[in-house]
PDB file of N, CA and C in Angstrom:
ATOM      1  N   MET A   1     -21.591 -42.603 -20.218  1.00  0.00           N
ATOM      2  CA  MET A   1     -21.248 -44.008 -20.161  1.00  0.00           C
ATOM      3  C   MET A   1     -21.099 -44.536 -21.588  1.00  0.00           C
ATOM      4  N   PRO A   2     -20.006 -45.257 -21.867  1.00  0.00           N
ATOM      5  CA  PRO A   2     -19.810 -45.801 -23.215  1.00  0.00           C
ATOM      6  C   PRO A   2     -20.900 -46.819 -23.573  1.00  0.00           C
ATOM      7  N   ASP A   3     -21.240 -46.899 -24.857  1.00  0.00           N
ATOM      8  CA  ASP A   3     -22.268 -47.845 -25.311  1.00  0.00           C
ATOM      9  C   ASP A   3     -21.915 -49.283 -24.963  1.00  0.00           C
ATOM     10  N   SER A   4     -20.625 -49.631 -25.049  1.00  0.00           N
ATOM     11  CA  SER A   4     -20.221 -51.010 -24.765  1.00  0.00           C
ATOM     12  C   SER A   4     -20.546 -51.394 -23.324  1.00  0.00           C
ATOM     13  N   VAL A   5     -20.451 -50.440 -22.401  1.00  0.00           N
ATOM     14  CA  VAL A   5     -20.793 -50.710 -21.005  1.00  0.00           C
ATOM     15  C   VAL A   5     -22.304 -50.731 -20.843  1.00  0.00           C
ATOM     16  N   ARG A   6     -22.987 -49.828 -21.488  1.00  0.00           N
ATOM     17  CA  ARG A   6     -24.441 -49.734 -21.376  1.00  0.00           C
ATOM     18  C   ARG A   6     -25.109 -51.030 -21.837  1.00  0.00           C
ATOM     19  N   ARG A   7     -24.579 -51.668 -22.882  1.00  0.00           N
ATOM     20  CA  ARG A   7     -25.169 -52.885 -23.430  1.00  0.00           C
ATOM     21  C   ARG A   7     -24.716 -54.148 -22.705  1.00  0.00           C
ATOM     22  N   SER A   8     -23.764 -54.040 -21.831  1.00  0.00           N
ATOM     23  CA  SER A   8     -23.196 -55.214 -21.177  1.00  0.00           C
ATOM     24  C   SER A   8     -24.029 -55.642 -19.974  1.00  0.00           C
ATOM     25  N   LYS A   9     -23.588 -56.702 -19.340  1.00  0.00           N
ATOM     26  CA  LYS A   9     -24.254 -57.219 -18.153  1.00  0.00           C
ATOM     27  C   LYS A   9     -23.711 -56.573 -16.886  1.00  0.00           C
ATOM     28  N   PHE A  10     -22.803 -55.644 -17.008  1.00  0.00           N
ATOM     29  CA  PHE A  10     -22.200 -55.004 -15.851  1.00  0.00           C
ATOM     30  C   PHE A  10     -23.168 -54.036 -15.183  1.00  0.00           C
ATOM     31  N   GLU A  11     -23.035 -53.910 -13.886  1.00  0.00           N
ATOM     32  CA  GLU A  11     -23.874 -52.999 -13.121  1.00  0.00           C
ATOM     33  C   GLU A  11     -22.983 -51.989 -12.400  1.00  0.00           C
ATOM     34  N   ARG A  12     -23.347 -50.731 -12.512  1.00  0.00           N
ATOM     35  CA  ARG A  12     -22.574 -49.697 -11.821  1.00  0.00           C
ATOM     36  C   ARG A  12     -22.849 -49.808 -10.325  1.00  0.00           C
ATOM     37  N   ILE A  13     -21.766 -49.928  -9.547  1.00  0.00           N
ATOM     38  CA  ILE A  13     -21.939 -50.085  -8.102  1.00  0.00           C
ATOM     39  C   ILE A  13     -21.458 -48.877  -7.315  1.00  0.00           C
ATOM     40  N   LEU A  14     -20.680 -48.022  -7.955  1.00  0.00           N
ATOM     41  CA  LEU A  14     -20.126 -46.881  -7.227  1.00  0.00           C
ATOM     42  C   LEU A  14     -19.761 -45.781  -8.206  1.00  0.00           C
ATOM     43  N   THR A  15     -20.060 -44.550  -7.840  1.00  0.00           N
ATOM     44  CA  THR A  15     -19.646 -43.376  -8.607  1.00  0.00           C
ATOM     45  C   THR A  15     -19.138 -42.342  -7.616  1.00  0.00           C
ATOM     46  N   PHE A  16     -17.969 -41.760  -7.910  1.00  0.00           N
ATOM     47  CA  PHE A  16     -17.456 -40.692  -7.062  1.00  0.00           C
ATOM     48  C   PHE A  16     -16.622 -39.735  -7.893  1.00  0.00           C
ATOM     49  N   THR A  17     -16.412 -38.557  -7.355  1.00  0.00           N
ATOM     50  CA  THR A  17     -15.653 -37.522  -8.045  1.00  0.00           C
ATOM     51  C   THR A  17     -14.395 -37.198  -7.253  1.00  0.00           C
ATOM     52  N   ILE A  18     -13.295 -37.068  -7.964  1.00  0.00           N
ATOM     53  CA  ILE A  18     -12.036 -36.639  -7.353  1.00  0.00           C
ATOM     54  C   ILE A  18     -11.847 -35.178  -7.723  1.00  0.00           C
ATOM     55  N   ASP A  19     -11.953 -34.313  -6.725  1.00  0.00           N
ATOM     56  CA  ASP A  19     -11.779 -32.882  -6.975  1.00  0.00           C
ATOM     57  C   ASP A  19     -10.326 -32.479  -6.693  1.00  0.00           C
ATOM     58  N   PHE A  20     -10.028 -31.224  -6.941  1.00  0.00           N
ATOM     59  CA  PHE A  20      -8.657 -30.741  -6.805  1.00  0.00           C
ATOM     60  C   PHE A  20      -8.115 -30.957  -5.390  1.00  0.00           C
ATOM     61  N   GLU A  21      -8.895 -30.602  -4.372  1.00  0.00           N
ATOM     62  CA  GLU A  21      -8.419 -30.716  -2.990  1.00  0.00           C
ATOM     63  C   GLU A  21      -8.136 -32.161  -2.602  1.00  0.00           C
ATOM     64  N   THR A  22      -8.976 -33.088  -3.034  1.00  0.00           N
ATOM     65  CA  THR A  22      -8.753 -34.507  -2.747  1.00  0.00           C
ATOM     66  C   THR A  22      -7.474 -34.986  -3.418  1.00  0.00           C
ATOM     67  N   ALA A  23      -7.298 -34.622  -4.672  1.00  0.00           N
ATOM     68  CA  ALA A  23      -6.088 -35.019  -5.401  1.00  0.00           C
ATOM     69  C   ALA A  23      -4.844 -34.398  -4.770  1.00  0.00           C
ATOM     70  N   LYS A  24      -4.949 -33.153  -4.337  1.00  0.00           N
ATOM     71  CA  LYS A  24      -3.818 -32.474  -3.703  1.00  0.00           C
ATOM     72  C   LYS A  24      -3.418 -33.179  -2.407  1.00  0.00           C
ATOM     73  N   ARG A  25      -4.408 -33.525  -1.581  1.00  0.00           N
ATOM     74  CA  ARG A  25      -4.112 -34.238  -0.327  1.00  0.00           C
ATOM     75  C   ARG A  25      -3.478 -35.597  -0.598  1.00  0.00           C
ATOM     76  N   TYR A  26      -3.961 -36.300  -1.607  1.00  0.00           N
ATOM     77  CA  TYR A  26      -3.397 -37.597  -1.972  1.00  0.00           C
ATOM     78  C   TYR A  26      -1.928 -37.446  -2.378  1.00  0.00           C
ATOM     79  N   ARG A  27      -1.659 -36.454  -3.226  1.00  0.00           N
ATOM     80  CA  ARG A  27      -0.287 -36.246  -3.690  1.00  0.00           C
ATOM     81  C   ARG A  27       0.634 -35.878  -2.534  1.00  0.00           C
ATOM     82  N   GLU A  28       0.157 -35.042  -1.620  1.00  0.00           N
ATOM     83  CA  GLU A  28       0.972 -34.662  -0.459  1.00  0.00           C
ATOM     84  C   GLU A  28       1.228 -35.873   0.440  1.00  0.00           C
ATOM     85  N   ALA A  29       0.210 -36.678   0.697  1.00  0.00           N
ATOM     86  CA  ALA A  29       0.339 -37.849   1.562  1.00  0.00           C
ATOM     87  C   ALA A  29       1.284 -38.888   0.983  1.00  0.00           C
ATOM     88  N   ASN A  30       1.392 -38.934  -0.344  1.00  0.00           N
ATOM     89  CA  ASN A  30       2.234 -39.933  -1.000  1.00  0.00           C
ATOM     90  C   ASN A  30       3.537 -39.341  -1.530  1.00  0.00           C
ATOM     91  N   LYS A  31       3.867 -38.135  -1.057  1.00  0.00           N
ATOM     92  CA  LYS A  31       5.139 -37.465  -1.397  1.00  0.00           C
ATOM     93  C   LYS A  31       5.396 -37.409  -2.904  1.00  0.00           C
ATOM     94  N   MET A  32       4.353 -37.053  -3.625  1.00  0.00           N
ATOM     95  CA  MET A  32       4.477 -36.912  -5.072  1.00  0.00           C
ATOM     96  C   MET A  32       4.924 -35.491  -5.404  1.00  0.00           C
ATOM     97  N   PRO A  33       5.455 -35.267  -6.605  1.00  0.00           N
ATOM     98  CA  PRO A  33       5.918 -33.926  -6.988  1.00  0.00           C
ATOM     99  C   PRO A  33       4.825 -32.874  -6.851  1.00  0.00           C
ATOM    100  N   HIS A  34       5.242 -31.635  -6.649  1.00  0.00           N
ATOM    101  CA  HIS A  34       4.300 -30.542  -6.421  1.00  0.00           C
ATOM    102  C   HIS A  34       3.874 -29.830  -7.699  1.00  0.00           C
ATOM    103  N   GLN A  35       4.193 -30.365  -8.882  1.00  0.00           N
ATOM    104  CA  GLN A  35       3.768 -29.741 -10.135  1.00  0.00           C
ATOM    105  C   GLN A  35       2.283 -30.035 -10.329  1.00  0.00           C
ATOM    106  N   PHE A  36       1.462 -29.200  -9.721  1.00  0.00           N
ATOM    107  CA  PHE A  36       0.039 -29.479  -9.651  1.00  0.00           C
ATOM    108  C   PHE A  36      -0.676 -28.146  -9.538  1.00  0.00           C
ATOM    109  N   ARG A  37      -1.430 -27.752 -10.562  1.00  0.00           N
ATOM    110  CA  ARG A  37      -2.051 -26.428 -10.570  1.00  0.00           C
ATOM    111  C   ARG A  37      -3.566 -26.509 -10.598  1.00  0.00           C
ATOM    112  N   ARG A  38      -4.188 -25.725  -9.765  1.00  0.00           N
ATOM    113  CA  ARG A  38      -5.654 -25.687  -9.714  1.00  0.00           C
ATOM    114  C   ARG A  38      -6.231 -25.286 -11.072  1.00  0.00           C
ATOM    115  N   ALA A  39      -5.603 -24.329 -11.735  1.00  0.00           N
ATOM    116  CA  ALA A  39      -6.126 -23.835 -13.013  1.00  0.00           C
ATOM    117  C   ALA A  39      -6.126 -24.920 -14.094  1.00  0.00           C
ATOM    118  N   ALA A  40      -5.249 -25.911 -13.962  1.00  0.00           N
ATOM    119  CA  ALA A  40      -5.161 -26.978 -14.957  1.00  0.00           C
ATOM    120  C   ALA A  40      -5.989 -28.197 -14.572  1.00  0.00           C
ATOM    121  N   TRP A  41      -6.616 -28.169 -13.405  1.00  0.00           N
ATOM    122  CA  TRP A  41      -7.339 -29.337 -12.901  1.00  0.00           C
ATOM    123  C   TRP A  41      -8.779 -29.385 -13.425  1.00  0.00           C
ATOM    124  N   THR A  42      -9.205 -30.577 -13.805  1.00  0.00           N
ATOM    125  CA  THR A  42     -10.596 -30.850 -14.143  1.00  0.00           C
ATOM    126  C   THR A  42     -11.033 -32.008 -13.254  1.00  0.00           C
ATOM    127  N   ASP A  43     -12.150 -31.841 -12.555  1.00  0.00           N
ATOM    128  CA  ASP A  43     -12.628 -32.919 -11.682  1.00  0.00           C
ATOM    129  C   ASP A  43     -12.792 -34.210 -12.472  1.00  0.00           C
ATOM    130  N   LEU A  44     -12.448 -35.307 -11.819  1.00  0.00           N
ATOM    131  CA  LEU A  44     -12.502 -36.626 -12.446  1.00  0.00           C
ATOM    132  C   LEU A  44     -13.648 -37.415 -11.836  1.00  0.00           C
ATOM    133  N   THR A  45     -14.581 -37.870 -12.671  1.00  0.00           N
ATOM    134  CA  THR A  45     -15.685 -38.708 -12.192  1.00  0.00           C
ATOM    135  C   THR A  45     -15.314 -40.162 -12.465  1.00  0.00           C
ATOM    136  N   VAL A  46     -15.373 -40.972 -11.421  1.00  0.00           N
ATOM    137  CA  VAL A  46     -15.010 -42.391 -11.511  1.00  0.00           C
ATOM    138  C   VAL A  46     -16.289 -43.212 -11.359  1.00  0.00           C
ATOM    139  N   GLU A  47     -16.478 -44.147 -12.279  1.00  0.00           N
ATOM    140  CA  GLU A  47     -17.604 -45.074 -12.205  1.00  0.00           C
ATOM    141  C   GLU A  47     -17.030 -46.485 -12.108  1.00  0.00           C
ATOM    142  N   VAL A  48     -17.481 -47.240 -11.104  1.00  0.00           N
ATOM    143  CA  VAL A  48     -17.007 -48.610 -10.898  1.00  0.00           C
ATOM    144  C   VAL A  48     -18.134 -49.574 -11.246  1.00  0.00           C
ATOM    145  N   TYR A  49     -17.829 -50.544 -12.083  1.00  0.00           N
ATOM    146  CA  TYR A  49     -18.824 -51.526 -12.540  1.00  0.00           C
ATOM    147  C   TYR A  49     -18.401 -52.929 -12.145  1.00  0.00           C
ATOM    148  N   LEU A  50     -19.377 -53.757 -11.854  1.00  0.00           N
ATOM    149  CA  LEU A  50     -19.153 -55.197 -11.636  1.00  0.00           C
ATOM    150  C   LEU A  50     -20.053 -55.974 -12.568  1.00  0.00           C
TER     151      LEU A  50
END
């Protein structure tokens, strides 16, 4: 977590990870291009603050 967020009045309300399979399903459902490789994927951790 960045220091600017840590020192702020914001509170983390949600954290989730987007893995390769989730991203792949999203791209397929939204008819996005198929240039998408497992070997190049790094899981993305999302933190939501209010």
